[in-house]
């Protein structure tokens, strides 16, 4: 949008179905995280706020200062 190649007015969703060699019955468990109930409740909010403050934050051009 900065370069003027796209306007950002429209969007598309791709719902392609891709066959993969994967099974929900054969997986590798990740490491366990011992979070408190409060940490579990706040984690998605913290991730969202970090992403908003990142250099690629989604900004509505009409609301930008």
PDB file of N, CA and C in Angstrom:
ATOM      1  N   UNK A   1       0.827  -1.180   0.000  1.00  0.00           N
ATOM      2  CA  UNK A   1       0.000   0.000   0.000  1.00  0.00           C
ATOM      3  C   UNK A   1       0.876   1.250   0.000  1.00  0.00           C
ATOM      4  N   UNK A   2       2.014   1.179   0.676  1.00  0.00           N
ATOM      5  CA  UNK A   2       2.916   2.324   0.706  1.00  0.00           C
ATOM      6  C   UNK A   2       3.424   2.630  -0.695  1.00  0.00           C
ATOM      7  N   UNK A   3       3.692   1.587  -1.481  1.00  0.00           N
ATOM      8  CA  UNK A   3       4.211   1.776  -2.833  1.00  0.00           C
ATOM      9  C   UNK A   3       3.109   2.090  -3.838  1.00  0.00           C
ATOM     10  N   UNK A   4       1.840   2.034  -3.407  1.00  0.00           N
ATOM     11  CA  UNK A   4       0.742   2.338  -4.306  1.00  0.00           C
ATOM     12  C   UNK A   4       0.344   1.194  -5.217  1.00  0.00           C
ATOM     13  N   UNK A   5       0.808  -0.015  -4.910  1.00  0.00           N
ATOM     14  CA  UNK A   5       0.486  -1.165  -5.755  1.00  0.00           C
ATOM     15  C   UNK A   5      -0.872  -1.774  -5.426  1.00  0.00           C
ATOM     16  N   UNK A   6      -1.306  -1.651  -4.173  1.00  0.00           N
ATOM     17  CA  UNK A   6      -2.612  -2.146  -3.749  1.00  0.00           C
ATOM     18  C   UNK A   6      -3.275  -1.083  -2.892  1.00  0.00           C
ATOM     19  N   UNK A   7      -4.597  -1.113  -2.864  1.00  0.00           N
ATOM     20  CA  UNK A   7      -5.316  -0.098  -2.116  1.00  0.00           C
ATOM     21  C   UNK A   7      -5.745  -0.535  -0.731  1.00  0.00           C
ATOM     22  N   UNK A   8      -5.945  -1.851  -0.516  1.00  0.00           N
ATOM     23  CA  UNK A   8      -6.351  -2.353   0.779  1.00  0.00           C
ATOM     24  C   UNK A   8      -7.846  -2.277   1.026  1.00  0.00           C
ATOM     25  N   UNK A   9      -8.643  -2.058  -0.022  1.00  0.00           N
ATOM     26  CA  UNK A   9     -10.084  -1.956   0.164  1.00  0.00           C
ATOM     27  C   UNK A   9     -10.753  -3.321   0.228  1.00  0.00           C
ATOM     28  N   UNK A  10     -10.236  -4.305  -0.473  1.00  0.00           N
ATOM     29  CA  UNK A  10     -10.861  -5.620  -0.570  1.00  0.00           C
ATOM     30  C   UNK A  10      -9.944  -6.680   0.002  1.00  0.00           C
ATOM     31  N   UNK A  11     -10.525  -7.834   0.276  1.00  0.00           N
ATOM     32  CA  UNK A  11      -9.721  -8.962   0.716  1.00  0.00           C
ATOM     33  C   UNK A  11     -10.339 -10.247   0.178  1.00  0.00           C
ATOM     34  N   UNK A  12      -9.564 -11.305   0.174  1.00  0.00           N
ATOM     35  CA  UNK A  12     -10.039 -12.596  -0.305  1.00  0.00           C
ATOM     36  C   UNK A  12      -9.645 -13.669   0.696  1.00  0.00           C
ATOM     37  N   UNK A  13     -10.431 -14.723   0.718  1.00  0.00           N
ATOM     38  CA  UNK A  13     -10.150 -15.856   1.588  1.00  0.00           C
ATOM     39  C   UNK A  13      -9.979 -17.078   0.703  1.00  0.00           C
ATOM     40  N   UNK A  14      -8.896 -17.795   0.920  1.00  0.00           N
ATOM     41  CA  UNK A  14      -8.626 -18.999   0.143  1.00  0.00           C
ATOM     42  C   UNK A  14      -8.996 -20.209   0.986  1.00  0.00           C
ATOM     43  N   UNK A  15      -9.934 -21.000   0.521  1.00  0.00           N
ATOM     44  CA  UNK A  15     -10.364 -22.183   1.258  1.00  0.00           C
ATOM     45  C   UNK A  15      -9.963 -23.446   0.502  1.00  0.00           C
ATOM     46  N   UNK A  16      -8.753 -23.447  -0.049  1.00  0.00           N
ATOM     47  CA  UNK A  16      -8.274 -24.603  -0.798  1.00  0.00           C
ATOM     48  C   UNK A  16      -8.121 -25.810   0.124  1.00  0.00           C
ATOM     49  N   UNK A  17      -8.440 -26.970  -0.415  1.00  0.00           N
ATOM     50  CA  UNK A  17      -8.259 -28.219   0.312  1.00  0.00           C
ATOM     51  C   UNK A  17      -7.012 -28.881  -0.250  1.00  0.00           C
ATOM     52  N   UNK A  18      -6.061 -29.158   0.611  1.00  0.00           N
ATOM     53  CA  UNK A  18      -4.798 -29.743   0.188  1.00  0.00           C
ATOM     54  C   UNK A  18      -4.611 -31.076   0.894  1.00  0.00           C
ATOM     55  N   UNK A  19      -4.370 -32.121   0.137  1.00  0.00           N
ATOM     56  CA  UNK A  19      -4.144 -33.436   0.721  1.00  0.00           C
ATOM     57  C   UNK A  19      -2.725 -33.502   1.272  1.00  0.00           C
ATOM     58  N   UNK A  20      -2.591 -33.932   2.513  1.00  0.00           N
ATOM     59  CA  UNK A  20      -1.282 -34.019   3.145  1.00  0.00           C
ATOM     60  C   UNK A  20      -1.101 -35.395   3.766  1.00  0.00           C
ATOM     61  N   UNK A  21       0.139 -35.723   4.014  1.00  0.00           N
ATOM     62  CA  UNK A  21       0.472 -36.978   4.669  1.00  0.00           C
ATOM     63  C   UNK A  21       0.602 -36.694   6.164  1.00  0.00           C
ATOM     64  N   UNK A  22      -0.532 -36.561   6.827  1.00  0.00           N
ATOM     65  CA  UNK A  22      -0.534 -36.222   8.249  1.00  0.00           C
ATOM     66  C   UNK A  22      -1.676 -36.975   8.923  1.00  0.00           C
ATOM     67  N   UNK A  23      -1.545 -37.162  10.199  1.00  0.00           N
ATOM     68  CA  UNK A  23      -2.570 -37.855  10.959  1.00  0.00           C
ATOM     69  C   UNK A  23      -2.692 -37.221  12.330  1.00  0.00           C
ATOM     70  N   UNK A  24      -3.922 -37.005  12.778  1.00  0.00           N
ATOM     71  CA  UNK A  24      -4.096 -36.467  14.124  1.00  0.00           C
ATOM     72  C   UNK A  24      -3.805 -37.521  15.180  1.00  0.00           C
ATOM     73  N   UNK A  25      -3.639 -38.767  14.767  1.00  0.00           N
ATOM     74  CA  UNK A  25      -3.349 -39.837  15.709  1.00  0.00           C
ATOM     75  C   UNK A  25      -1.846 -40.069  15.880  1.00  0.00           C
ATOM     76  N   UNK A  26      -1.036 -39.538  14.972  1.00  0.00           N
ATOM     77  CA  UNK A  26       0.413 -39.658  15.065  1.00  0.00           C
ATOM     78  C   UNK A  26       0.998 -38.258  15.127  1.00  0.00           C
ATOM     79  N   UNK A  27       1.391 -37.839  16.305  1.00  0.00           N
ATOM     80  CA  UNK A  27       1.923 -36.500  16.472  1.00  0.00           C
ATOM     81  C   UNK A  27       3.039 -36.505  17.493  1.00  0.00           C
ATOM     82  N   UNK A  28       3.772 -35.427  17.503  1.00  0.00           N
ATOM     83  CA  UNK A  28       4.851 -35.249  18.459  1.00  0.00           C
ATOM     84  C   UNK A  28       4.379 -34.195  19.451  1.00  0.00           C
ATOM     85  N   UNK A  29       4.324 -34.580  20.717  1.00  0.00           N
ATOM     86  CA  UNK A  29       3.896 -33.636  21.738  1.00  0.00           C
ATOM     87  C   UNK A  29       4.985 -32.612  21.999  1.00  0.00           C
ATOM     88  N   UNK A  30       4.585 -31.383  22.145  1.00  0.00           N
ATOM     89  CA  UNK A  30       5.519 -30.316  22.490  1.00  0.00           C
ATOM     90  C   UNK A  30       5.796 -30.327  23.984  1.00  0.00           C
ATOM     91  N   UNK A  31       6.655 -29.440  24.399  1.00  0.00           N
ATOM     92  CA  UNK A  31       6.965 -29.374  25.815  1.00  0.00           C
ATOM     93  C   UNK A  31       5.787 -28.765  26.569  1.00  0.00           C
ATOM     94  N   UNK A  32       5.626 -29.180  27.789  1.00  0.00           N
ATOM     95  CA  UNK A  32       4.543 -28.683  28.625  1.00  0.00           C
ATOM     96  C   UNK A  32       4.907 -27.322  29.201  1.00  0.00           C
ATOM     97  N   UNK A  33       3.941 -26.433  29.264  1.00  0.00           N
ATOM     98  CA  UNK A  33       4.136 -25.121  29.871  1.00  0.00           C
ATOM     99  C   UNK A  33       3.275 -25.074  31.117  1.00  0.00           C
ATOM    100  N   UNK A  34       3.905 -24.821  32.246  1.00  0.00           N
ATOM    101  CA  UNK A  34       3.190 -24.798  33.511  1.00  0.00           C
ATOM    102  C   UNK A  34       2.715 -23.382  33.810  1.00  0.00           C
ATOM    103  N   UNK A  35       1.632 -22.971  33.154  1.00  0.00           N
ATOM    104  CA  UNK A  35       1.084 -21.636  33.334  1.00  0.00           C
ATOM    105  C   UNK A  35       0.007 -21.659  34.407  1.00  0.00           C
ATOM    106  N   UNK A  36      -0.093 -20.573  35.153  1.00  0.00           N
ATOM    107  CA  UNK A  36      -1.187 -20.431  36.098  1.00  0.00           C
ATOM    108  C   UNK A  36      -2.456 -20.120  35.322  1.00  0.00           C
ATOM    109  N   UNK A  37      -3.598 -20.213  35.987  1.00  0.00           N
ATOM    110  CA  UNK A  37      -4.871 -19.912  35.325  1.00  0.00           C
ATOM    111  C   UNK A  37      -4.877 -18.468  34.820  1.00  0.00           C
ATOM    112  N   UNK A  38      -4.330 -17.543  35.595  1.00  0.00           N
ATOM    113  CA  UNK A  38      -4.280 -16.135  35.191  1.00  0.00           C
ATOM    114  C   UNK A  38      -3.410 -15.948  33.954  1.00  0.00           C
ATOM    115  N   UNK A  39      -2.283 -16.632  33.899  1.00  0.00           N
ATOM    116  CA  UNK A  39      -1.400 -16.536  32.730  1.00  0.00           C
ATOM    117  C   UNK A  39      -2.092 -17.102  31.491  1.00  0.00           C
ATOM    118  N   UNK A  40      -2.811 -18.197  31.657  1.00  0.00           N
ATOM    119  CA  UNK A  40      -3.519 -18.793  30.525  1.00  0.00           C
ATOM    120  C   UNK A  40      -4.577 -17.847  29.984  1.00  0.00           C
ATOM    121  N   UNK A  41      -5.273 -17.147  30.865  1.00  0.00           N
ATOM    122  CA  UNK A  41      -6.326 -16.227  30.447  1.00  0.00           C
ATOM    123  C   UNK A  41      -5.746 -14.995  29.762  1.00  0.00           C
ATOM    124  N   UNK A  42      -4.563 -14.539  30.190  1.00  0.00           N
ATOM    125  CA  UNK A  42      -3.981 -13.313  29.658  1.00  0.00           C
ATOM    126  C   UNK A  42      -3.105 -13.527  28.429  1.00  0.00           C
ATOM    127  N   UNK A  43      -2.652 -14.737  28.170  1.00  0.00           N
ATOM    128  CA  UNK A  43      -1.694 -14.985  27.090  1.00  0.00           C
ATOM    129  C   UNK A  43      -2.191 -14.503  25.719  1.00  0.00           C
ATOM    130  N   UNK A  44      -3.425 -14.843  25.280  1.00  0.00           N
ATOM    131  CA  UNK A  44      -3.873 -14.365  23.962  1.00  0.00           C
ATOM    132  C   UNK A  44      -3.890 -12.839  23.858  1.00  0.00           C
ATOM    133  N   UNK A  45      -4.249 -12.165  24.938  1.00  0.00           N
ATOM    134  CA  UNK A  45      -4.273 -10.704  24.929  1.00  0.00           C
ATOM    135  C   UNK A  45      -2.860 -10.159  24.793  1.00  0.00           C
ATOM    136  N   UNK A  46      -1.915 -10.770  25.519  1.00  0.00           N
ATOM    137  CA  UNK A  46      -0.526 -10.320  25.438  1.00  0.00           C
ATOM    138  C   UNK A  46       0.029 -10.516  24.037  1.00  0.00           C
ATOM    139  N   UNK A  47      -0.254 -11.644  23.409  1.00  0.00           N
ATOM    140  CA  UNK A  47       0.209 -11.907  22.039  1.00  0.00           C
ATOM    141  C   UNK A  47      -0.383 -10.871  21.087  1.00  0.00           C
ATOM    142  N   UNK A  48      -1.665 -10.576  21.235  1.00  0.00           N
ATOM    143  CA  UNK A  48      -2.328  -9.585  20.394  1.00  0.00           C
ATOM    144  C   UNK A  48      -1.682  -8.210  20.537  1.00  0.00           C
ATOM    145  N   UNK A  49      -1.415  -7.799  21.779  1.00  0.00           N
ATOM    146  CA  UNK A  49      -0.820  -6.485  22.007  1.00  0.00           C
ATOM    147  C   UNK A  49       0.600  -6.401  21.445  1.00  0.00           C
ATOM    148  N   UNK A  50       1.371  -7.462  21.570  1.00  0.00           N
ATOM    149  CA  UNK A  50       2.729  -7.480  21.016  1.00  0.00           C
ATOM    150  C   UNK A  50       2.670  -7.330  19.502  1.00  0.00           C
ATOM    151  N   UNK A  51       1.728  -8.020  18.876  1.00  0.00           N
ATOM    152  CA  UNK A  51       1.603  -7.926  17.413  1.00  0.00           C
ATOM    153  C   UNK A  51       1.148  -6.536  16.983  1.00  0.00           C
ATOM    154  N   UNK A  52       0.275  -5.919  17.763  1.00  0.00           N
ATOM    155  CA  UNK A  52      -0.155  -4.566  17.424  1.00  0.00           C
ATOM    156  C   UNK A  52       1.002  -3.579  17.495  1.00  0.00           C
ATOM    157  N   UNK A  53       1.923  -3.807  18.427  1.00  0.00           N
ATOM    158  CA  UNK A  53       3.039  -2.890  18.606  1.00  0.00           C
ATOM    159  C   UNK A  53       4.234  -3.225  17.723  1.00  0.00           C
ATOM    160  N   UNK A  54       4.142  -4.304  16.937  1.00  0.00           N
ATOM    161  CA  UNK A  54       5.251  -4.698  16.084  1.00  0.00           C
ATOM    162  C   UNK A  54       5.361  -3.748  14.894  1.00  0.00           C
ATOM    163  N   UNK A  55       6.440  -3.868  14.144  1.00  0.00           N
ATOM    164  CA  UNK A  55       6.650  -2.975  13.004  1.00  0.00           C
ATOM    165  C   UNK A  55       5.651  -3.236  11.879  1.00  0.00           C
ATOM    166  N   UNK A  56       4.975  -4.385  11.887  1.00  0.00           N
ATOM    167  CA  UNK A  56       3.990  -4.703  10.860  1.00  0.00           C
ATOM    168  C   UNK A  56       2.570  -4.623  11.404  1.00  0.00           C
ATOM    169  N   UNK A  57       2.337  -3.708  12.319  1.00  0.00           N
ATOM    170  CA  UNK A  57       1.021  -3.597  12.936  1.00  0.00           C
ATOM    171  C   UNK A  57      -0.045  -3.243  11.911  1.00  0.00           C
ATOM    172  N   UNK A  58      -1.233  -3.861  12.019  1.00  0.00           N
ATOM    173  CA  UNK A  58      -2.318  -3.506  11.102  1.00  0.00           C
ATOM    174  C   UNK A  58      -2.863  -2.130  11.480  1.00  0.00           C
ATOM    175  N   UNK A  59      -2.825  -1.204  10.545  1.00  0.00           N
ATOM    176  CA  UNK A  59      -3.287   0.154  10.801  1.00  0.00           C
ATOM    177  C   UNK A  59      -4.294   0.528   9.740  1.00  0.00           C
ATOM    178  N   UNK A  60      -5.401   1.073  10.168  1.00  0.00           N
ATOM    179  CA  UNK A  60      -6.387   1.591   9.232  1.00  0.00           C
ATOM    180  C   UNK A  60      -5.893   2.958   8.770  1.00  0.00           C
ATOM    181  N   UNK A  61      -5.587   3.124   7.487  1.00  0.00           N
ATOM    182  CA  UNK A  61      -5.027   4.387   6.995  1.00  0.00           C
ATOM    183  C   UNK A  61      -5.946   5.591   7.261  1.00  0.00           C
ATOM    184  N   UNK A  62      -7.243   5.359   7.328  1.00  0.00           N
ATOM    185  CA  UNK A  62      -8.157   6.471   7.567  1.00  0.00           C
ATOM    186  C   UNK A  62      -8.109   6.953   9.014  1.00  0.00           C
ATOM    187  N   UNK A  63      -7.625   6.102   9.930  1.00  0.00           N
ATOM    188  CA  UNK A  63      -7.564   6.475  11.344  1.00  0.00           C
ATOM    189  C   UNK A  63      -6.158   6.882  11.772  1.00  0.00           C
ATOM    190  N   UNK A  64      -5.189   6.752  10.869  1.00  0.00           N
ATOM    191  CA  UNK A  64      -3.802   7.077  11.228  1.00  0.00           C
ATOM    192  C   UNK A  64      -3.658   8.581  11.448  1.00  0.00           C
ATOM    193  N   UNK A  65      -2.809   8.965  12.434  1.00  0.00           N
ATOM    194  CA  UNK A  65      -2.633  10.393  12.716  1.00  0.00           C
ATOM    195  C   UNK A  65      -1.929  11.137  11.596  1.00  0.00           C
TER     196      UNK A  65
END
